C-alpha atoms as a PDB file:
ATOM      1  CA  GLY A   1       0.299  18.150  36.643  1.00  0.00           C
ATOM      2  CA  VAL A   2      -0.781  16.984  33.260  1.00  0.00           C
ATOM      3  CA  LEU A   3       1.046  14.109  31.597  1.00  0.00           C
ATOM      4  CA  PRO A   4       2.205  14.518  27.979  1.00  0.00           C
ATOM      5  CA  ARG A   5      -0.069  13.003  25.353  1.00  0.00           C
ATOM      6  CA  THR A   6       1.006  11.383  22.104  1.00  0.00           C
ATOM      7  CA  SER A   7      -0.344  12.883  18.900  1.00  0.00           C
ATOM      8  CA  LEU A   8      -1.773  10.241  16.535  1.00  0.00           C
ATOM      9  CA  GLU A   9      -0.784  12.356  13.533  1.00  0.00           C
ATOM     10  CA  ALA A  10       2.816  12.600  14.783  1.00  0.00           C
ATOM     11  CA  VAL A  11       3.040   8.827  15.263  1.00  0.00           C
ATOM     12  CA  GLN A  12       1.602   8.202  11.791  1.00  0.00           C
ATOM     13  CA  ALA A  13       4.096  10.636  10.241  1.00  0.00           C
ATOM     14  CA  ALA A  14       6.961   8.986  12.143  1.00  0.00           C
ATOM     15  CA  LEU A  15       5.910   5.527  10.925  1.00  0.00           C
ATOM     16  CA  LEU A  16       5.627   6.712   7.314  1.00  0.00           C
ATOM     17  CA  THR A  17       9.077   8.290   7.536  1.00  0.00           C
ATOM     18  CA  ALA A  18      10.486   5.135   9.153  1.00  0.00           C
ATOM     19  CA  ALA A  19       9.048   2.972   6.387  1.00  0.00           C
ATOM     20  CA  ALA A  20      10.476   5.303   3.726  1.00  0.00           C
ATOM     21  CA  CYS A  21      13.922   5.024   5.350  1.00  0.00           C
ATOM     22  CA  ASN A  22      13.717   1.207   5.595  1.00  0.00           C
ATOM     23  CA  CYS A  23      13.849   1.313   9.380  1.00  0.00           C
ATOM     24  CA  GLN A  24      13.227  -1.574  11.697  1.00  0.00           C
ATOM     25  CA  ILE A  25       9.879  -0.901  13.381  1.00  0.00           C
ATOM     26  CA  PRO A  26       9.330  -2.776  16.659  1.00  0.00           C
ATOM     27  CA  ASN A  27       5.934  -4.065  17.783  1.00  0.00           C
ATOM     28  CA  SER A  28       5.926  -1.650  20.726  1.00  0.00           C
ATOM     29  CA  SER A  29       7.498   1.656  21.623  1.00  0.00           C
ATOM     30  CA  ARG A  30       7.638   3.653  24.840  1.00  0.00           C
ATOM     31  CA  PHE A  31       8.301   7.199  25.961  1.00  0.00           C
ATOM     32  CA  GLU A  32      10.281   7.998  29.098  1.00  0.00           C
ATOM     33  CA  ARG A  33      10.965  11.108  31.095  1.00  0.00           C
ATOM     34  CA  LYS A  34      14.534  12.258  31.578  1.00  0.00           C
ATOM     35  CA  HIS A  35      14.769  14.570  34.560  1.00  0.00           C
ATOM     36  CA  TYR A  36      17.143  17.517  34.392  1.00  0.00           C
ATOM     37  CA  ALA A  37      17.723  20.636  36.429  1.00  0.00           C
ATOM     38  CA  TYR A  38      18.201  23.181  33.646  1.00  0.00           C
ATOM     39  CA  ALA A  39      16.868  26.721  33.581  1.00  0.00           C
ATOM     40  CA  ASP A  40      15.399  26.301  30.086  1.00  0.00           C
ATOM     41  CA  LEU A  41      13.288  23.307  31.190  1.00  0.00           C
ATOM     42  CA  PRO A  42      10.641  24.785  33.469  1.00  0.00           C
ATOM     43  CA  LEU A  43       9.005  21.397  34.077  1.00  0.00           C
ATOM     44  CA  GLY A  44      12.362  19.752  34.800  1.00  0.00           C
ATOM     45  CA  TYR A  45      12.107  16.905  32.292  1.00  0.00           C
ATOM     46  CA  GLN A  46      12.316  15.945  28.625  1.00  0.00           C
ATOM     47  CA  VAL A  47      10.442  13.155  26.902  1.00  0.00           C
ATOM     48  CA  THR A  48      12.674  10.635  25.123  1.00  0.00           C
ATOM     49  CA  GLN A  49      12.565   7.337  23.257  1.00  0.00           C
ATOM     50  CA  GLN A  50      16.215   6.541  23.831  1.00  0.00           C
ATOM     51  CA  ARG A  51      15.694   2.924  24.916  1.00  0.00           C
ATOM     52  CA  TRP A  52      12.451   2.009  23.081  1.00  0.00           C
ATOM     53  CA  PRO A  53      12.338   4.049  19.842  1.00  0.00           C
ATOM     54  CA  ILE A  54       9.491   4.021  17.344  1.00  0.00           C
ATOM     55  CA  ALA A  55      12.012   3.038  14.627  1.00  0.00           C
ATOM     56  CA  ALA A  56      15.728   2.305  14.313  1.00  0.00           C
ATOM     57  CA  ASN A  57      18.547   1.501  11.886  1.00  0.00           C
ATOM     58  CA  GLY A  58      17.175   3.318   8.861  1.00  0.00           C
ATOM     59  CA  VAL A  59      19.031   4.720   5.888  1.00  0.00           C
ATOM     60  CA  LEU A  60      18.617   8.114   4.267  1.00  0.00           C
ATOM     61  CA  LYS A  61      20.477   8.476   0.998  1.00  0.00           C
ATOM     62  CA  CYS A  62      21.275  11.976  -0.212  1.00  0.00           C
ATOM     63  CA  ARG A  63      22.978  13.177  -3.313  1.00  0.00           C
ATOM     64  CA  ARG A  64      25.251  16.148  -3.278  1.00  0.00           C
ATOM     65  CA  ARG A  65      24.823  18.353  -6.271  1.00  0.00           C
ATOM     66  CA  THR A  66      28.085  19.722  -7.563  1.00  0.00           C
ATOM     67  CA  MET A  67      28.266  23.054  -9.279  1.00  0.00           C
ATOM     68  CA  ASP A  68      30.682  23.296 -12.161  1.00  0.00           C
ATOM     69  CA  ARG A  69      32.039  26.808 -12.047  1.00  0.00           C
ATOM     70  CA  LYS A  70      34.987  27.950 -14.051  1.00  0.00           C
ATOM     71  CA  ARG A  71      37.501  29.741 -11.893  1.00  0.00           C
ATOM     72  CA  LYS A  72      39.217  32.786 -13.335  1.00  0.00           C
END
């Protein structure tokens, strides 16, 4: 079988997003396979960064817009 390949554009976008969210970015990151026996996973695995993520501990601040409506 063919091993998954990392997209350079996806990594660059992830690093830009991580920097915008003030994440901690480690010097190295790693992908792992998690093996499952589910019908919707024909190859039997998912790729994860659970233990060695590309970024961690970021903050995303959102404002909630309130709508002032007069109730009748």
